[in-house]
């Protein structure tokens, strides 16, 4: 979105959530630069670009080296932000916590976001 000043602004949280739901499937696959066995979709790339949060993809990709994460073919990653601090939690899809990380500072612009990891591919729920 472009503001009157010509600068690009982020959509509201409601608009952002709606835009994520519009991704169904993907036309492109992106290989993660640190963990080359991890791929991600157009929707996840849009999320990272819009939020300036490629660091989030890095955290998820790097955590795949953890023995607990390696055991799970299906993972649900939730980033919850509160007052510039965040918690990144991975569950197995059945509500069992696999991984958790506290983030002391973040400029992530929204209160929450979810990324799924299925067979080494990060995707949005609507892309599954």
N, C-alpha and C. Protein backbone atom coordinates (compact mmCIF):
# COMPACT_ATOMS: atom_id res chain seq x y z
N UNK A 1 0.84 -1.17 0.00
CA UNK A 1 0.00 0.00 0.00
C UNK A 1 0.89 1.24 0.00
N UNK A 2 0.48 2.23 -0.75
CA UNK A 2 1.27 3.45 -0.81
C UNK A 2 0.47 4.58 -0.17
N UNK A 3 1.12 5.33 0.70
CA UNK A 3 0.47 6.45 1.37
C UNK A 3 0.56 7.69 0.50
N UNK A 4 -0.08 8.78 0.94
CA UNK A 4 -0.07 10.04 0.18
C UNK A 4 1.34 10.59 0.05
N UNK A 5 2.20 10.29 1.01
CA UNK A 5 3.57 10.80 0.95
C UNK A 5 4.42 10.00 -0.03
N UNK A 6 3.87 8.92 -0.60
CA UNK A 6 4.61 8.11 -1.55
C UNK A 6 5.35 6.96 -0.91
N UNK A 7 5.31 6.88 0.41
CA UNK A 7 5.98 5.78 1.11
C UNK A 7 5.04 4.58 1.20
N UNK A 8 5.63 3.41 1.19
CA UNK A 8 4.85 2.20 1.31
C UNK A 8 4.49 1.99 2.77
N UNK A 9 3.21 1.73 3.03
CA UNK A 9 2.77 1.47 4.40
C UNK A 9 2.27 0.03 4.49
N UNK A 10 2.28 -0.50 5.70
CA UNK A 10 1.80 -1.86 5.90
C UNK A 10 0.29 -1.86 6.04
N UNK A 11 -0.33 -2.94 5.62
CA UNK A 11 -1.78 -3.05 5.79
C UNK A 11 -2.12 -3.20 7.27
N UNK A 12 -3.37 -2.90 7.63
CA UNK A 12 -3.83 -3.14 9.00
C UNK A 12 -3.75 -4.64 9.27
N UNK A 13 -3.83 -5.01 10.54
CA UNK A 13 -3.75 -6.43 10.89
C UNK A 13 -4.86 -7.21 10.20
N UNK A 14 -6.06 -6.66 10.17
CA UNK A 14 -7.20 -7.34 9.53
C UNK A 14 -6.95 -7.52 8.03
N UNK A 15 -6.43 -6.47 7.38
CA UNK A 15 -6.12 -6.56 5.95
C UNK A 15 -5.00 -7.57 5.70
N UNK A 16 -4.02 -7.59 6.60
CA UNK A 16 -2.90 -8.52 6.47
C UNK A 16 -3.39 -9.96 6.57
N UNK A 17 -4.21 -10.26 7.58
CA UNK A 17 -4.75 -11.62 7.76
C UNK A 17 -5.55 -12.03 6.53
N UNK A 18 -6.36 -11.11 6.03
CA UNK A 18 -7.16 -11.40 4.83
C UNK A 18 -6.26 -11.67 3.63
N UNK A 19 -5.19 -10.89 3.48
CA UNK A 19 -4.28 -11.09 2.34
C UNK A 19 -3.58 -12.43 2.43
N UNK A 20 -3.24 -12.88 3.64
CA UNK A 20 -2.61 -14.20 3.79
C UNK A 20 -3.55 -15.31 3.37
N UNK A 21 -4.85 -15.15 3.65
CA UNK A 21 -5.83 -16.17 3.32
C UNK A 21 -6.06 -16.31 1.81
N UNK A 22 -5.62 -15.30 1.07
CA UNK A 22 -5.79 -15.34 -0.39
C UNK A 22 -4.75 -16.23 -1.08
N UNK A 23 -3.72 -16.64 -0.34
CA UNK A 23 -2.71 -17.53 -0.92
C UNK A 23 -3.22 -18.96 -0.84
N UNK A 24 -3.38 -19.58 -2.00
CA UNK A 24 -3.80 -20.98 -2.07
C UNK A 24 -2.85 -21.67 -3.04
N UNK A 25 -2.07 -22.58 -2.52
CA UNK A 25 -1.03 -23.17 -3.36
C UNK A 25 0.08 -22.17 -3.57
N UNK A 26 1.03 -22.48 -4.42
CA UNK A 26 2.13 -21.57 -4.71
C UNK A 26 2.59 -21.77 -6.14
N UNK A 27 3.07 -20.71 -6.74
CA UNK A 27 3.64 -20.81 -8.08
C UNK A 27 5.15 -20.96 -8.02
N UNK A 28 5.75 -20.48 -6.92
CA UNK A 28 7.20 -20.50 -6.78
C UNK A 28 7.59 -21.18 -5.48
N UNK A 29 8.74 -21.80 -5.50
CA UNK A 29 9.32 -22.39 -4.29
C UNK A 29 10.64 -21.70 -4.05
N UNK A 30 10.88 -21.28 -2.81
CA UNK A 30 12.11 -20.58 -2.46
C UNK A 30 12.91 -21.46 -1.51
N UNK A 31 14.20 -21.58 -1.77
CA UNK A 31 15.08 -22.37 -0.92
C UNK A 31 15.67 -21.45 0.14
N UNK A 32 15.60 -21.87 1.40
CA UNK A 32 16.14 -21.05 2.47
C UNK A 32 17.66 -20.99 2.35
N UNK A 33 18.23 -19.81 2.60
CA UNK A 33 19.66 -19.61 2.36
C UNK A 33 20.56 -20.24 3.42
N UNK A 34 20.05 -20.44 4.63
CA UNK A 34 20.88 -21.03 5.70
C UNK A 34 20.69 -22.55 5.76
N UNK A 35 19.46 -22.98 5.85
CA UNK A 35 19.15 -24.41 5.87
C UNK A 35 18.62 -24.77 4.48
N UNK A 36 19.48 -25.24 3.63
CA UNK A 36 19.15 -25.47 2.22
C UNK A 36 18.13 -26.59 2.01
N UNK A 37 17.85 -27.37 3.05
CA UNK A 37 16.83 -28.42 2.91
C UNK A 37 15.42 -27.87 3.14
N UNK A 38 15.29 -26.60 3.53
CA UNK A 38 13.99 -25.99 3.81
C UNK A 38 13.55 -25.13 2.62
N UNK A 39 12.32 -25.34 2.21
CA UNK A 39 11.69 -24.53 1.16
C UNK A 39 10.60 -23.67 1.78
N UNK A 40 10.19 -22.61 1.07
CA UNK A 40 9.01 -21.87 1.49
C UNK A 40 8.27 -21.36 0.26
N UNK A 41 7.02 -21.00 0.49
CA UNK A 41 6.08 -20.70 -0.58
C UNK A 41 5.96 -19.20 -0.84
N UNK A 42 5.17 -18.86 -1.86
CA UNK A 42 4.88 -17.46 -2.17
C UNK A 42 4.24 -16.74 -0.98
N UNK A 43 3.32 -17.41 -0.30
CA UNK A 43 2.64 -16.79 0.83
C UNK A 43 3.59 -16.47 1.97
N UNK A 44 4.50 -17.37 2.26
CA UNK A 44 5.48 -17.15 3.33
C UNK A 44 6.45 -16.05 2.91
N UNK A 45 6.83 -16.01 1.65
CA UNK A 45 7.70 -14.93 1.17
C UNK A 45 6.99 -13.59 1.31
N UNK A 46 5.71 -13.54 0.94
CA UNK A 46 4.92 -12.31 1.09
C UNK A 46 4.88 -11.87 2.56
N UNK A 47 4.65 -12.81 3.46
CA UNK A 47 4.62 -12.52 4.89
C UNK A 47 5.95 -11.90 5.33
N UNK A 48 7.05 -12.53 4.98
CA UNK A 48 8.38 -12.05 5.38
C UNK A 48 8.69 -10.69 4.76
N UNK A 49 8.34 -10.50 3.49
CA UNK A 49 8.60 -9.22 2.82
C UNK A 49 7.75 -8.11 3.42
N UNK A 50 6.47 -8.37 3.63
CA UNK A 50 5.55 -7.37 4.15
C UNK A 50 5.89 -6.95 5.56
N UNK A 51 6.32 -7.91 6.38
CA UNK A 51 6.59 -7.64 7.79
C UNK A 51 8.06 -7.34 8.07
N UNK A 52 8.90 -7.43 7.05
CA UNK A 52 10.33 -7.25 7.28
C UNK A 52 10.85 -8.29 8.25
N UNK A 53 10.41 -9.52 8.05
CA UNK A 53 10.69 -10.57 9.05
C UNK A 53 11.35 -11.81 8.46
N UNK A 54 12.33 -11.63 7.63
CA UNK A 54 13.06 -12.80 7.14
C UNK A 54 13.78 -13.50 8.29
N UNK A 55 14.04 -12.77 9.37
CA UNK A 55 14.63 -13.36 10.57
C UNK A 55 13.74 -14.47 11.13
N UNK A 56 12.42 -14.32 10.98
CA UNK A 56 11.49 -15.35 11.46
C UNK A 56 11.68 -16.64 10.67
N UNK A 57 11.82 -16.52 9.37
CA UNK A 57 12.08 -17.70 8.53
C UNK A 57 13.41 -18.34 8.92
N UNK A 58 14.40 -17.49 9.23
CA UNK A 58 15.70 -18.00 9.68
C UNK A 58 15.55 -18.81 10.96
N UNK A 59 14.82 -18.26 11.94
CA UNK A 59 14.63 -18.96 13.22
C UNK A 59 13.97 -20.33 13.01
N UNK A 60 12.94 -20.36 12.17
CA UNK A 60 12.24 -21.62 11.92
C UNK A 60 13.15 -22.60 11.18
N UNK A 61 13.85 -22.13 10.17
CA UNK A 61 14.74 -23.00 9.38
C UNK A 61 15.88 -23.54 10.23
N UNK A 62 16.49 -22.69 11.04
CA UNK A 62 17.60 -23.13 11.89
C UNK A 62 17.14 -24.12 12.94
N UNK A 63 15.94 -23.92 13.46
CA UNK A 63 15.43 -24.82 14.49
C UNK A 63 15.21 -26.23 13.96
N UNK A 64 15.18 -26.40 12.65
CA UNK A 64 14.98 -27.73 12.07
C UNK A 64 16.17 -28.64 12.34
N UNK A 65 17.29 -28.06 12.78
CA UNK A 65 18.45 -28.87 13.17
C UNK A 65 18.26 -29.49 14.55
N UNK A 66 17.27 -29.00 15.32
CA UNK A 66 16.98 -29.53 16.65
C UNK A 66 16.43 -30.95 16.54
N UNK A 67 16.92 -31.88 17.36
CA UNK A 67 16.41 -33.26 17.30
C UNK A 67 14.90 -33.36 17.52
N UNK A 68 14.35 -32.52 18.39
CA UNK A 68 12.90 -32.56 18.63
C UNK A 68 12.12 -32.14 17.39
N UNK A 69 12.58 -31.09 16.73
CA UNK A 69 11.90 -30.62 15.52
C UNK A 69 12.05 -31.63 14.39
N UNK A 70 13.20 -32.28 14.30
CA UNK A 70 13.44 -33.25 13.23
C UNK A 70 12.48 -34.43 13.30
N UNK A 71 11.97 -34.72 14.48
CA UNK A 71 11.03 -35.84 14.65
C UNK A 71 9.64 -35.53 14.10
N UNK A 72 9.36 -34.24 13.89
CA UNK A 72 8.01 -33.82 13.49
C UNK A 72 7.95 -33.47 12.01
N UNK A 73 7.19 -34.25 11.24
CA UNK A 73 6.99 -33.94 9.81
C UNK A 73 6.01 -32.79 9.62
N UNK A 74 5.14 -32.58 10.62
CA UNK A 74 4.14 -31.51 10.58
C UNK A 74 4.34 -30.63 11.80
N UNK A 75 4.55 -29.33 11.56
CA UNK A 75 4.80 -28.39 12.65
C UNK A 75 3.94 -27.14 12.46
N UNK A 76 3.45 -26.59 13.57
CA UNK A 76 2.72 -25.34 13.56
C UNK A 76 3.53 -24.33 14.37
N UNK A 77 4.01 -23.29 13.71
CA UNK A 77 4.83 -22.25 14.34
C UNK A 77 3.98 -21.01 14.55
N UNK A 78 3.94 -20.53 15.80
CA UNK A 78 3.17 -19.33 16.13
C UNK A 78 4.08 -18.32 16.79
N UNK A 79 4.12 -17.13 16.21
CA UNK A 79 4.84 -16.01 16.79
C UNK A 79 3.79 -15.11 17.43
N UNK A 80 3.91 -14.88 18.74
CA UNK A 80 3.01 -13.97 19.46
C UNK A 80 3.83 -12.80 19.97
N UNK A 81 3.36 -11.61 19.64
CA UNK A 81 4.08 -10.38 19.98
C UNK A 81 3.27 -9.59 21.00
N UNK A 82 3.98 -9.09 22.02
CA UNK A 82 3.36 -8.25 23.03
C UNK A 82 4.38 -7.21 23.48
N UNK A 83 4.11 -5.94 23.20
CA UNK A 83 4.95 -4.84 23.67
C UNK A 83 6.41 -5.01 23.25
N UNK A 84 6.65 -5.25 21.98
CA UNK A 84 7.98 -5.39 21.38
C UNK A 84 8.76 -6.62 21.84
N UNK A 85 8.10 -7.51 22.55
CA UNK A 85 8.70 -8.81 22.90
C UNK A 85 7.84 -9.88 22.25
N UNK A 86 8.43 -11.05 22.07
CA UNK A 86 7.68 -12.10 21.40
C UNK A 86 8.05 -13.47 21.94
N UNK A 87 7.19 -14.41 21.64
CA UNK A 87 7.45 -15.81 21.90
C UNK A 87 7.18 -16.57 20.61
N UNK A 88 8.12 -17.40 20.23
CA UNK A 88 7.98 -18.26 19.06
C UNK A 88 7.83 -19.68 19.55
N UNK A 89 6.69 -20.29 19.22
CA UNK A 89 6.39 -21.64 19.71
C UNK A 89 6.10 -22.55 18.53
N UNK A 90 6.62 -23.76 18.61
CA UNK A 90 6.33 -24.80 17.62
C UNK A 90 5.55 -25.90 18.31
N UNK A 91 4.44 -26.29 17.70
CA UNK A 91 3.65 -27.43 18.18
C UNK A 91 3.58 -28.48 17.08
N UNK A 92 3.21 -29.67 17.47
CA UNK A 92 3.17 -30.79 16.53
C UNK A 92 1.85 -30.92 15.78
N UNK A 93 0.96 -29.96 15.92
CA UNK A 93 -0.34 -30.04 15.27
C UNK A 93 -1.40 -30.66 16.15
N UNK A 94 -0.98 -31.29 17.25
CA UNK A 94 -1.90 -31.87 18.22
C UNK A 94 -1.83 -31.14 19.56
N UNK A 95 -1.26 -29.94 19.56
CA UNK A 95 -1.18 -29.14 20.77
C UNK A 95 0.00 -29.44 21.67
N UNK A 96 0.91 -30.30 21.25
CA UNK A 96 2.09 -30.63 22.05
C UNK A 96 3.25 -29.72 21.64
N UNK A 97 3.79 -29.00 22.60
CA UNK A 97 4.89 -28.07 22.34
C UNK A 97 6.16 -28.85 22.03
N UNK A 98 6.81 -28.47 20.93
CA UNK A 98 8.05 -29.10 20.48
C UNK A 98 9.23 -28.18 20.75
N UNK A 99 9.00 -26.88 20.62
CA UNK A 99 10.08 -25.90 20.68
C UNK A 99 9.49 -24.57 21.12
N UNK A 100 10.25 -23.81 21.89
CA UNK A 100 9.81 -22.48 22.31
C UNK A 100 11.02 -21.57 22.46
N UNK A 101 10.85 -20.33 22.06
CA UNK A 101 11.94 -19.36 22.15
C UNK A 101 11.37 -17.99 22.51
N UNK A 102 11.97 -17.35 23.50
CA UNK A 102 11.60 -15.98 23.85
C UNK A 102 12.46 -15.03 23.04
N UNK A 103 11.83 -13.99 22.53
CA UNK A 103 12.53 -12.98 21.74
C UNK A 103 12.42 -11.67 22.51
N UNK A 104 13.55 -11.16 22.96
CA UNK A 104 13.57 -9.99 23.85
C UNK A 104 13.16 -8.69 23.16
N UNK A 105 13.37 -8.59 21.87
CA UNK A 105 12.92 -7.41 21.13
C UNK A 105 12.56 -7.81 19.71
N UNK A 106 11.45 -7.26 19.24
CA UNK A 106 11.07 -7.44 17.84
C UNK A 106 10.31 -6.21 17.37
N UNK A 107 10.45 -5.93 16.09
CA UNK A 107 9.65 -4.87 15.48
C UNK A 107 8.58 -5.49 14.57
N UNK A 108 8.29 -6.77 14.79
CA UNK A 108 7.25 -7.43 14.00
C UNK A 108 5.96 -6.63 14.18
N UNK A 109 5.31 -6.24 13.09
CA UNK A 109 4.23 -5.26 13.17
C UNK A 109 2.86 -5.77 13.61
N UNK A 110 2.70 -7.06 13.77
CA UNK A 110 1.38 -7.59 14.09
C UNK A 110 1.44 -8.44 15.36
N UNK A 111 0.28 -8.63 16.03
CA UNK A 111 0.29 -9.36 17.30
C UNK A 111 0.56 -10.86 17.19
N UNK A 112 0.28 -11.43 16.03
CA UNK A 112 0.44 -12.88 15.90
C UNK A 112 0.50 -13.28 14.44
N UNK A 113 1.25 -14.35 14.20
CA UNK A 113 1.28 -14.94 12.86
C UNK A 113 1.58 -16.43 13.02
N UNK A 114 1.04 -17.23 12.09
CA UNK A 114 1.25 -18.67 12.11
C UNK A 114 1.83 -19.13 10.78
N UNK A 115 2.85 -19.96 10.88
CA UNK A 115 3.45 -20.59 9.70
C UNK A 115 3.47 -22.09 9.93
N UNK A 116 3.05 -22.84 8.94
CA UNK A 116 3.12 -24.29 9.03
C UNK A 116 4.42 -24.77 8.39
N UNK A 117 4.93 -25.86 8.90
CA UNK A 117 6.10 -26.52 8.31
C UNK A 117 5.68 -27.96 8.05
N UNK A 118 5.64 -28.34 6.78
CA UNK A 118 5.23 -29.68 6.39
C UNK A 118 6.30 -30.26 5.49
N UNK A 119 6.91 -31.36 5.92
CA UNK A 119 7.94 -32.02 5.12
C UNK A 119 9.01 -31.03 4.63
N UNK A 120 9.54 -30.25 5.55
CA UNK A 120 10.61 -29.27 5.28
C UNK A 120 10.19 -28.11 4.39
N UNK A 121 8.90 -27.82 4.34
CA UNK A 121 8.41 -26.69 3.57
C UNK A 121 7.56 -25.78 4.45
N UNK A 122 7.94 -24.49 4.53
CA UNK A 122 7.15 -23.51 5.26
C UNK A 122 6.03 -23.02 4.34
N UNK A 123 4.82 -23.00 4.88
CA UNK A 123 3.68 -22.55 4.10
C UNK A 123 2.62 -21.96 5.02
N UNK A 124 1.67 -21.26 4.42
CA UNK A 124 0.54 -20.75 5.16
C UNK A 124 -0.53 -21.82 5.21
N UNK A 125 -1.40 -21.73 6.19
CA UNK A 125 -2.48 -22.71 6.33
C UNK A 125 -3.30 -22.80 5.04
N UNK A 126 -3.58 -21.66 4.42
CA UNK A 126 -4.39 -21.65 3.20
C UNK A 126 -3.67 -22.27 2.00
N UNK A 127 -2.35 -22.42 2.11
CA UNK A 127 -1.59 -23.02 1.01
C UNK A 127 -1.47 -24.53 1.15
N UNK A 128 -1.94 -25.08 2.25
CA UNK A 128 -1.80 -26.52 2.53
C UNK A 128 -2.66 -27.32 1.60
